Every structure is written in C-alpha cells, then in structure tokens.
N, C-alpha and C. Protein backbone atom coordinates (compact mmCIF):
# COMPACT_ATOMS: atom_id res chain seq x y z
N MET A 1 0.82 -1.19 0.00
CA MET A 1 0.00 0.00 0.00
C MET A 1 0.87 1.26 0.00
N TYR A 2 1.96 1.21 0.77
CA TYR A 2 2.86 2.36 0.85
C TYR A 2 3.47 2.67 -0.52
N GLN A 3 3.86 1.63 -1.26
CA GLN A 3 4.49 1.85 -2.56
C GLN A 3 3.50 2.46 -3.56
N ILE A 4 2.25 2.03 -3.50
CA ILE A 4 1.25 2.56 -4.44
C ILE A 4 1.02 4.03 -4.17
N ILE A 5 0.88 4.39 -2.89
CA ILE A 5 0.66 5.79 -2.54
C ILE A 5 1.89 6.62 -2.90
N MET A 6 3.08 6.06 -2.72
CA MET A 6 4.31 6.79 -3.06
C MET A 6 4.40 7.03 -4.57
N ILE A 7 4.01 6.04 -5.37
CA ILE A 7 4.03 6.21 -6.83
C ILE A 7 3.04 7.29 -7.24
N ILE A 8 1.85 7.28 -6.66
CA ILE A 8 0.85 8.32 -6.97
C ILE A 8 1.38 9.69 -6.55
N HIS A 9 2.05 9.74 -5.42
CA HIS A 9 2.60 11.00 -4.91
C HIS A 9 3.66 11.57 -5.87
N VAL A 10 4.56 10.72 -6.33
CA VAL A 10 5.62 11.18 -7.24
C VAL A 10 5.04 11.60 -8.58
N LEU A 11 4.10 10.82 -9.13
CA LEU A 11 3.49 11.19 -10.40
C LEU A 11 2.70 12.49 -10.28
N THR A 12 2.04 12.68 -9.16
CA THR A 12 1.32 13.93 -8.93
C THR A 12 2.28 15.11 -8.87
N ALA A 13 3.41 14.93 -8.22
CA ALA A 13 4.41 16.00 -8.14
C ALA A 13 4.95 16.35 -9.52
N ILE A 14 5.20 15.35 -10.34
CA ILE A 14 5.72 15.60 -11.70
C ILE A 14 4.67 16.34 -12.53
N CYS A 15 3.41 15.90 -12.44
CA CYS A 15 2.34 16.58 -13.19
C CYS A 15 2.14 18.00 -12.69
N LEU A 16 2.27 18.21 -11.41
CA LEU A 16 2.11 19.54 -10.85
C LEU A 16 3.21 20.48 -11.33
N ILE A 17 4.43 19.99 -11.36
CA ILE A 17 5.54 20.80 -11.87
C ILE A 17 5.33 21.14 -13.34
N ALA A 18 4.91 20.16 -14.13
CA ALA A 18 4.67 20.40 -15.55
C ALA A 18 3.55 21.42 -15.76
N LEU A 19 2.48 21.31 -14.99
CA LEU A 19 1.38 22.26 -15.15
C LEU A 19 1.78 23.68 -14.77
N VAL A 20 2.57 23.82 -13.74
CA VAL A 20 3.01 25.16 -13.34
C VAL A 20 3.93 25.76 -14.39
N LEU A 21 4.76 24.93 -15.01
CA LEU A 21 5.66 25.45 -16.05
C LEU A 21 4.93 25.79 -17.33
N VAL A 22 3.82 25.14 -17.61
CA VAL A 22 3.06 25.42 -18.83
C VAL A 22 2.29 26.73 -18.71
N GLN A 23 1.85 27.07 -17.54
CA GLN A 23 1.03 28.27 -17.35
C GLN A 23 1.86 29.53 -17.54
N GLN A 24 1.18 30.57 -18.02
CA GLN A 24 1.84 31.84 -18.22
C GLN A 24 1.68 32.71 -16.99
N GLY A 25 2.61 33.61 -16.82
CA GLY A 25 2.51 34.55 -15.72
C GLY A 25 1.46 35.61 -16.02
N LYS A 26 1.16 36.46 -15.03
CA LYS A 26 0.14 37.49 -15.22
C LYS A 26 0.58 38.56 -16.20
N GLY A 27 1.85 38.83 -16.28
CA GLY A 27 2.34 39.87 -17.19
C GLY A 27 2.86 39.33 -18.50
N ALA A 28 2.48 38.13 -18.88
CA ALA A 28 3.03 37.51 -20.09
C ALA A 28 2.53 38.16 -21.37
N THR A 29 1.35 38.76 -21.36
CA THR A 29 0.81 39.38 -22.58
C THR A 29 0.95 40.89 -22.56
N MET A 30 1.80 41.41 -21.73
CA MET A 30 1.99 42.85 -21.66
C MET A 30 2.60 43.40 -22.95
N GLY A 31 3.45 42.62 -23.60
CA GLY A 31 4.05 43.07 -24.85
C GLY A 31 3.03 43.21 -25.95
N ALA A 32 2.01 42.38 -25.96
CA ALA A 32 0.97 42.45 -26.98
C ALA A 32 0.11 43.70 -26.80
N ALA A 33 0.00 44.18 -25.61
CA ALA A 33 -0.82 45.37 -25.37
C ALA A 33 -0.20 46.61 -25.97
N PHE A 34 1.11 46.64 -26.13
CA PHE A 34 1.79 47.81 -26.69
C PHE A 34 2.16 47.62 -28.15
N GLY A 35 1.61 46.62 -28.79
CA GLY A 35 1.77 46.46 -30.23
C GLY A 35 3.00 45.71 -30.67
N SER A 36 3.63 44.95 -29.81
CA SER A 36 4.84 44.25 -30.23
C SER A 36 4.54 42.88 -30.81
N GLY A 37 3.31 42.54 -30.96
CA GLY A 37 2.98 41.25 -31.55
C GLY A 37 1.66 40.74 -31.01
N ALA A 38 1.24 39.62 -31.53
CA ALA A 38 -0.02 39.05 -31.09
C ALA A 38 0.18 38.33 -29.76
N SER A 39 -0.84 38.35 -28.96
CA SER A 39 -0.73 37.63 -27.69
C SER A 39 -0.82 36.15 -27.95
N GLN A 40 -0.30 35.37 -27.06
CA GLN A 40 -0.28 33.92 -27.22
C GLN A 40 -1.61 33.37 -26.73
N THR A 41 -2.49 33.07 -27.65
CA THR A 41 -3.81 32.59 -27.28
C THR A 41 -3.98 31.15 -27.73
N VAL A 42 -3.20 30.28 -27.18
CA VAL A 42 -3.28 28.86 -27.53
C VAL A 42 -4.57 28.26 -26.97
N PHE A 43 -4.98 28.69 -25.79
CA PHE A 43 -6.14 28.12 -25.12
C PHE A 43 -7.39 28.97 -25.31
N GLY A 44 -7.40 29.82 -26.30
CA GLY A 44 -8.57 30.65 -26.55
C GLY A 44 -8.33 32.09 -26.10
N SER A 45 -9.33 32.94 -26.36
CA SER A 45 -9.16 34.36 -26.05
C SER A 45 -9.17 34.63 -24.55
N ARG A 46 -9.85 33.78 -23.81
CA ARG A 46 -9.91 33.98 -22.36
C ARG A 46 -8.59 33.59 -21.69
N GLY A 47 -7.85 32.72 -22.29
CA GLY A 47 -6.57 32.31 -21.73
C GLY A 47 -6.66 30.93 -21.11
N SER A 48 -5.56 30.52 -20.56
CA SER A 48 -5.48 29.18 -20.01
C SER A 48 -5.84 29.13 -18.53
N GLY A 49 -6.27 30.25 -17.98
CA GLY A 49 -6.50 30.34 -16.55
C GLY A 49 -7.56 29.40 -16.01
N SER A 50 -8.69 29.32 -16.66
CA SER A 50 -9.79 28.58 -16.06
C SER A 50 -9.53 27.07 -16.06
N PHE A 51 -9.18 26.50 -17.21
CA PHE A 51 -8.99 25.05 -17.29
C PHE A 51 -7.74 24.61 -16.54
N LEU A 52 -6.61 25.24 -16.83
CA LEU A 52 -5.36 24.83 -16.19
C LEU A 52 -5.36 25.11 -14.70
N LEU A 53 -6.06 26.15 -14.29
CA LEU A 53 -6.13 26.45 -12.86
C LEU A 53 -6.89 25.36 -12.11
N LYS A 54 -7.99 24.89 -12.69
CA LYS A 54 -8.76 23.82 -12.04
C LYS A 54 -7.96 22.52 -11.98
N VAL A 55 -7.25 22.20 -13.04
CA VAL A 55 -6.44 20.98 -13.05
C VAL A 55 -5.30 21.10 -12.04
N THR A 56 -4.68 22.27 -11.97
CA THR A 56 -3.59 22.49 -11.02
C THR A 56 -4.10 22.38 -9.59
N ILE A 57 -5.25 22.96 -9.29
CA ILE A 57 -5.80 22.89 -7.94
C ILE A 57 -6.13 21.44 -7.58
N SER A 58 -6.62 20.67 -8.53
CA SER A 58 -6.92 19.26 -8.23
C SER A 58 -5.64 18.47 -7.96
N PHE A 59 -4.57 18.75 -8.71
CA PHE A 59 -3.31 18.06 -8.45
C PHE A 59 -2.70 18.51 -7.12
N VAL A 60 -2.88 19.77 -6.76
CA VAL A 60 -2.38 20.24 -5.46
C VAL A 60 -3.12 19.53 -4.32
N ALA A 61 -4.44 19.41 -4.46
CA ALA A 61 -5.23 18.71 -3.43
C ALA A 61 -4.81 17.25 -3.32
N LEU A 62 -4.59 16.58 -4.46
CA LEU A 62 -4.14 15.19 -4.43
C LEU A 62 -2.75 15.07 -3.82
N PHE A 63 -1.87 16.02 -4.14
CA PHE A 63 -0.52 16.01 -3.58
C PHE A 63 -0.54 16.16 -2.06
N PHE A 64 -1.35 17.08 -1.56
CA PHE A 64 -1.46 17.26 -0.11
C PHE A 64 -2.08 16.04 0.56
N ALA A 65 -3.08 15.46 -0.07
CA ALA A 65 -3.72 14.28 0.51
C ALA A 65 -2.75 13.11 0.60
N THR A 66 -1.97 12.88 -0.46
CA THR A 66 -1.01 11.78 -0.41
C THR A 66 0.11 12.08 0.58
N SER A 67 0.48 13.35 0.71
CA SER A 67 1.51 13.72 1.70
C SER A 67 1.05 13.41 3.11
N ILE A 68 -0.18 13.78 3.42
CA ILE A 68 -0.71 13.53 4.76
C ILE A 68 -0.86 12.04 5.01
N PHE A 69 -1.35 11.30 4.01
CA PHE A 69 -1.54 9.87 4.16
C PHE A 69 -0.21 9.15 4.36
N LEU A 70 0.82 9.52 3.59
CA LEU A 70 2.15 8.92 3.76
C LEU A 70 2.72 9.25 5.13
N ASN A 71 2.50 10.47 5.60
CA ASN A 71 2.98 10.86 6.92
C ASN A 71 2.32 10.01 8.00
N ARG A 72 1.02 9.79 7.90
CA ARG A 72 0.31 8.98 8.89
C ARG A 72 0.81 7.53 8.88
N MET A 73 1.06 6.99 7.68
CA MET A 73 1.53 5.60 7.59
C MET A 73 2.91 5.44 8.22
N VAL A 74 3.80 6.37 7.92
CA VAL A 74 5.16 6.28 8.47
C VAL A 74 5.15 6.49 9.98
N THR A 75 4.35 7.43 10.46
CA THR A 75 4.27 7.68 11.89
C THR A 75 3.74 6.47 12.64
N ALA A 76 2.73 5.82 12.07
CA ALA A 76 2.17 4.63 12.72
C ALA A 76 3.19 3.49 12.75
N SER A 77 3.95 3.33 11.69
CA SER A 77 4.94 2.24 11.68
C SER A 77 6.09 2.52 12.65
N ILE A 78 6.48 3.78 12.78
CA ILE A 78 7.56 4.11 13.72
C ILE A 78 7.08 3.92 15.16
N LYS A 79 5.84 4.29 15.44
CA LYS A 79 5.32 4.10 16.80
C LYS A 79 5.24 2.63 17.16
N GLN A 80 4.93 1.77 16.20
CA GLN A 80 4.87 0.34 16.49
C GLN A 80 6.26 -0.22 16.75
N GLU A 81 7.27 0.28 16.04
CA GLU A 81 8.63 -0.21 16.23
C GLU A 81 9.23 0.25 17.55
N ASN A 82 8.85 1.42 18.02
CA ASN A 82 9.45 2.00 19.21
C ASN A 82 8.74 1.63 20.50
N GLN A 83 7.74 0.80 20.45
CA GLN A 83 7.07 0.40 21.68
C GLN A 83 7.98 -0.50 22.49
N ILE A 84 8.06 -0.20 23.76
CA ILE A 84 8.89 -1.01 24.66
C ILE A 84 7.98 -2.03 25.32
N SER A 85 8.32 -3.26 25.15
CA SER A 85 7.54 -4.31 25.80
C SER A 85 8.49 -5.13 26.67
N LEU A 86 8.09 -5.31 27.90
CA LEU A 86 8.90 -6.07 28.83
C LEU A 86 8.63 -7.56 28.63
N PRO A 87 9.67 -8.35 28.71
CA PRO A 87 9.44 -9.79 28.55
C PRO A 87 8.71 -10.37 29.75
N ASP A 88 8.00 -11.43 29.51
CA ASP A 88 7.31 -12.11 30.60
C ASP A 88 8.33 -12.73 31.54
N ALA A 89 7.94 -12.85 32.79
CA ALA A 89 8.83 -13.47 33.77
C ALA A 89 9.00 -14.95 33.40
N VAL A 90 10.24 -15.35 33.26
CA VAL A 90 10.54 -16.72 32.86
C VAL A 90 11.06 -17.47 34.08
N GLN A 91 10.47 -18.59 34.36
CA GLN A 91 10.94 -19.43 35.45
C GLN A 91 12.03 -20.34 34.91
N PRO A 92 13.23 -20.31 35.53
CA PRO A 92 14.31 -21.17 35.02
C PRO A 92 14.00 -22.64 35.31
N HIS A 93 14.27 -23.46 34.33
CA HIS A 93 14.08 -24.91 34.48
C HIS A 93 15.36 -25.50 35.05
N GLN A 94 15.22 -26.17 36.16
CA GLN A 94 16.39 -26.76 36.80
C GLN A 94 16.29 -28.28 36.68
N GLU A 95 17.37 -28.82 36.23
CA GLU A 95 17.46 -30.28 36.19
C GLU A 95 18.22 -30.72 37.44
N GLU A 96 17.91 -31.88 37.91
CA GLU A 96 18.56 -32.37 39.12
C GLU A 96 20.03 -32.60 38.86
N GLY A 97 20.84 -32.12 39.74
CA GLY A 97 22.27 -32.36 39.65
C GLY A 97 23.01 -31.30 38.88
N LYS A 98 22.32 -30.47 38.09
CA LYS A 98 23.01 -29.43 37.32
C LYS A 98 22.71 -28.09 37.95
N ILE A 99 23.73 -27.26 37.97
CA ILE A 99 23.58 -25.92 38.51
C ILE A 99 23.74 -24.95 37.35
N SER A 100 22.72 -24.19 37.14
CA SER A 100 22.81 -23.18 36.08
C SER A 100 23.22 -21.86 36.72
N PRO A 101 23.77 -20.96 35.96
CA PRO A 101 24.20 -19.68 36.54
C PRO A 101 23.04 -18.91 37.15
N ASN A 102 21.84 -19.12 36.67
CA ASN A 102 20.68 -18.40 37.21
C ASN A 102 20.19 -19.00 38.52
N SER A 103 20.58 -20.21 38.80
CA SER A 103 20.06 -20.86 40.00
C SER A 103 21.08 -20.89 41.14
N VAL A 104 22.14 -20.14 41.03
CA VAL A 104 23.13 -20.09 42.10
C VAL A 104 22.53 -19.30 43.25
N PRO A 105 22.53 -19.86 44.44
CA PRO A 105 21.92 -19.16 45.57
C PRO A 105 22.74 -17.93 45.96
N MET A 106 22.04 -16.90 46.34
CA MET A 106 22.67 -15.68 46.80
C MET A 106 23.19 -15.91 48.20
N PRO A 107 24.16 -15.16 48.65
CA PRO A 107 24.65 -15.31 50.01
C PRO A 107 23.53 -15.09 51.00
N GLY A 108 23.42 -15.97 51.94
CA GLY A 108 22.36 -15.91 52.94
C GLY A 108 21.15 -16.73 52.57
N GLN A 109 21.11 -17.29 51.35
CA GLN A 109 20.00 -18.14 50.94
C GLN A 109 20.46 -19.58 50.95
N LYS A 110 19.51 -20.48 51.10
CA LYS A 110 19.83 -21.90 51.05
C LYS A 110 19.31 -22.53 49.80
C-alpha cells in the first residue's frame, strides 16, 4: 500500500511541476498590449487560466492528501517499532544435579 501511494505522490508531483511550467505569468501578454505582436492565445481568447487552474488545484489537493496519508503511515509504523515491551517473567528450568548460573543461591540463601 505504501508503494502505491508513493508512486501516486511522485506522479502527482511531476504533473504539478509540468502544469506550473506550462502556465503563463500574469504579465506575459503585456508586450501584446503595446503592439509588439499578437498575444499567445493557444487556449482561446480567455486564456489558459480557467482550465489549467482547475487541473492544477486538483493536483495540489491530491498532492497534499497523499503527503498527509504517507505521513500517517510512516508515523504509525515508527510508533509500532518503538514500543517497549517487557518480557514475561521466565521461570528457570532446573534439572537435578546441574547448577545453572541463574540458580546459584545468593549469600544468605539456602
């Protein structure tokens, strides 16, 4: 699941970068206003703002959603790894005639 979300995250980032680079700045048609040439109207007379803006906003929302989801997954896995659990009390098995290091009596004990 982590790999699938990571692939979607990377592809979304690449598409987001491409969309931002394709869009024109606000002052891109200033030269056309003073007669230096025709404005670049590839996406129609209204410009590329409406369609590309909606697509960019959707990719931004997807990018943020995958970022938050990946953060939650990694945080949950780290919390599971860092839990300290004490081992259960183990009773040493003693065989007759053998002395194990754990069964050596302390001074004052019999």
